[in-house]
Amino acid sequence: MNSNKVNDSIEALETQLIGKKIIPKDLPRPIEGSNLILFPFEIKLGGMSIILEELSPKQPMLCEHSMLNMGDQVTGKWLSGLSEEFFHRDQVIVGGAGQTSNHPGQELVLKDYCFTRVTANWQQKEAAGALPSREITKVLE
């Protein structure tokens, strides 16, 4: 299933990130009520996040409405997320998927738990009710 609605999300054990600008953000954040420490990231200027490997057991950890099936994806103008895997900018593959005539595409596969949410879609910059990346760790519902 493909979704581009603001606040729609996916959760997976392995996730492919594709976009024009994939950026690791801030310091790691512990998630209340769990032993997870997650690293925030953003995909700016358009991107997508695709589930390559499902969670096991197949239950959402951060948002009860997250999509969980293999191949599910979220797309949007701006995506925010949290990953158990730390990554540097130099790990992002430039010039691959997501490439346009004006921008080299960027791609990254995260091989640990990952949560990705649409923060803004193409119809609006940032919709009312969308969570800015600095607030995404308060996503527990």
Protein backbone atom coordinates (compact mmCIF):
# COMPACT_ATOMS: atom_id res chain seq x y z
CA MET A 1 0.00 0.00 0.00
CA ASN A 2 1.27 3.47 -0.88
CA SER A 3 0.24 6.50 1.16
CA ASN A 4 1.03 10.20 0.95
CA LYS A 5 -1.33 11.52 3.62
CA VAL A 6 0.19 13.69 6.35
CA ASN A 7 0.89 11.67 9.54
CA ASP A 8 0.64 8.29 7.79
CA SER A 9 3.54 6.08 8.82
CA ILE A 10 5.35 2.78 8.39
CA GLU A 11 7.36 0.65 10.83
CA ALA A 12 9.77 -2.08 9.76
CA LEU A 13 12.93 -4.05 10.53
CA GLU A 14 14.49 -3.10 7.19
CA THR A 15 13.57 0.05 5.30
CA GLN A 16 14.71 1.66 2.06
CA LEU A 17 14.83 5.47 2.09
CA ILE A 18 14.79 7.27 -1.27
CA GLY A 19 14.75 11.02 -1.78
CA LYS A 20 16.55 14.15 -2.81
CA LYS A 21 18.02 14.99 0.61
CA ILE A 22 18.38 12.35 3.38
CA ILE A 23 19.69 13.93 6.57
CA PRO A 24 20.58 12.42 9.96
CA LYS A 25 19.37 14.80 12.70
CA ASP A 26 20.10 15.65 16.32
CA LEU A 27 21.21 13.31 19.07
CA PRO A 28 19.78 9.84 19.78
CA ARG A 29 16.59 9.80 21.83
CA PRO A 30 15.38 7.18 24.27
CA ILE A 31 11.75 6.17 23.78
CA GLU A 32 9.68 6.23 26.94
CA GLY A 33 8.32 2.87 28.02
CA SER A 34 10.82 0.85 25.99
CA ASN A 35 14.52 0.11 25.86
CA LEU A 36 14.85 1.65 22.38
CA ILE A 37 17.25 4.47 21.63
CA LEU A 38 16.42 5.91 18.21
CA PHE A 39 18.23 8.30 15.88
CA PRO A 40 16.08 10.96 14.14
CA PHE A 41 16.35 11.62 10.40
CA GLU A 42 14.57 13.63 7.69
CA ILE A 43 14.00 13.29 3.98
CA LYS A 44 13.51 16.72 2.41
CA LEU A 45 12.50 17.89 -1.07
CA GLY A 46 10.48 14.76 -1.80
CA GLY A 47 11.05 11.17 -0.89
CA MET A 48 9.71 7.77 0.03
CA SER A 49 10.26 5.04 2.58
CA ILE A 50 9.57 1.41 1.66
CA ILE A 51 9.30 -1.66 3.92
CA LEU A 52 11.82 -4.34 2.87
CA GLU A 53 11.42 -6.56 5.95
CA GLU A 54 8.40 -6.69 8.27
CA LEU A 55 8.50 -6.45 12.05
CA SER A 56 8.40 -9.72 13.95
CA PRO A 57 6.01 -9.93 15.73
CA LYS A 58 4.02 -7.81 13.31
CA GLN A 59 2.87 -5.19 15.82
CA PRO A 60 3.48 -1.41 15.70
CA MET A 61 5.82 -0.02 18.35
CA LEU A 62 5.30 3.76 18.06
CA CYS A 63 2.04 4.41 16.22
CA GLU A 64 -0.91 2.03 16.26
CA HIS A 65 -1.94 3.12 12.74
CA SER A 66 1.42 2.42 11.07
CA MET A 67 1.49 0.28 7.94
CA LEU A 68 3.44 -2.95 8.56
CA ASN A 69 3.31 -5.10 5.39
CA MET A 70 6.20 -5.87 3.06
CA GLY A 71 6.23 -3.33 0.21
CA ASP A 72 4.11 -0.72 2.04
CA GLN A 73 5.45 2.78 1.51
CA VAL A 74 4.93 6.39 2.46
CA THR A 75 5.76 9.23 0.08
CA GLY A 76 5.74 12.97 0.55
CA LYS A 77 7.46 16.30 0.22
CA TRP A 78 8.97 15.92 3.70
CA LEU A 79 9.34 12.74 5.75
CA SER A 80 10.59 12.44 9.33
CA GLY A 81 11.66 9.30 11.07
CA LEU A 82 13.47 7.44 13.79
CA SER A 83 15.90 4.59 13.29
CA GLU A 84 17.65 2.18 15.62
CA GLU A 85 20.55 2.23 13.15
CA PHE A 86 22.86 5.23 13.30
CA PHE A 87 24.05 6.55 9.93
CA HIS A 88 26.38 9.27 8.66
CA ARG A 89 25.82 11.48 5.63
CA ASP A 90 28.64 9.65 3.83
CA GLN A 91 26.68 6.36 4.04
CA VAL A 92 23.91 7.80 1.84
CA ILE A 93 24.29 6.65 -1.78
CA VAL A 94 24.13 9.66 -4.11
CA GLY A 95 23.08 9.42 -7.76
CA GLY A 96 20.84 6.40 -7.48
CA ALA A 97 17.11 6.06 -7.02
CA GLY A 98 15.15 9.31 -6.73
CA GLN A 99 17.28 11.04 -9.35
CA THR A 100 15.75 13.84 -11.45
CA SER A 101 17.25 16.02 -14.18
CA ASN A 102 18.04 18.71 -11.58
CA HIS A 103 18.97 16.65 -8.50
CA PRO A 104 20.97 13.51 -7.93
CA GLY A 105 18.86 11.06 -6.01
CA GLN A 106 19.86 9.69 -2.62
CA GLU A 107 19.24 6.23 -1.25
CA LEU A 108 19.87 4.40 2.02
CA VAL A 109 18.82 1.03 3.44
CA LEU A 110 18.38 0.89 7.22
CA LYS A 111 18.70 -2.68 8.55
CA ASP A 112 17.30 -2.21 12.07
CA TYR A 113 13.97 -0.96 13.40
CA CYS A 114 12.78 2.16 11.56
CA PHE A 115 9.71 4.40 11.86
CA THR A 116 8.92 6.89 9.06
CA ARG A 117 6.05 9.40 8.96
CA VAL A 118 4.84 11.85 6.29
CA THR A 119 5.35 15.34 7.75
CA ALA A 120 4.29 17.28 4.63
CA ASN A 121 2.81 16.17 1.33
CA TRP A 122 2.75 17.95 -2.02
CA GLN A 123 -0.69 19.53 -1.50
CA GLN A 124 0.42 21.61 1.48
CA LYS A 125 3.72 22.58 3.07
CA GLU A 126 3.07 21.32 6.59
CA ALA A 127 -0.49 20.47 7.49
CA ALA A 128 -2.13 21.33 10.77
CA GLY A 129 -1.60 18.42 13.10
CA ALA A 130 1.59 17.22 11.40
CA LEU A 131 4.40 16.58 13.81
CA PRO A 132 7.64 18.49 13.23
CA SER A 133 10.71 16.26 13.39
CA ARG A 134 11.74 17.58 16.82
CA GLU A 135 8.41 16.32 18.22
CA ILE A 136 8.30 12.97 16.45
CA THR A 137 9.50 11.08 19.53
CA LYS A 138 6.22 12.06 21.24
CA VAL A 139 4.36 10.01 18.66
CA LEU A 140 3.10 7.35 21.06
CA GLU A 141 -0.65 7.09 20.69
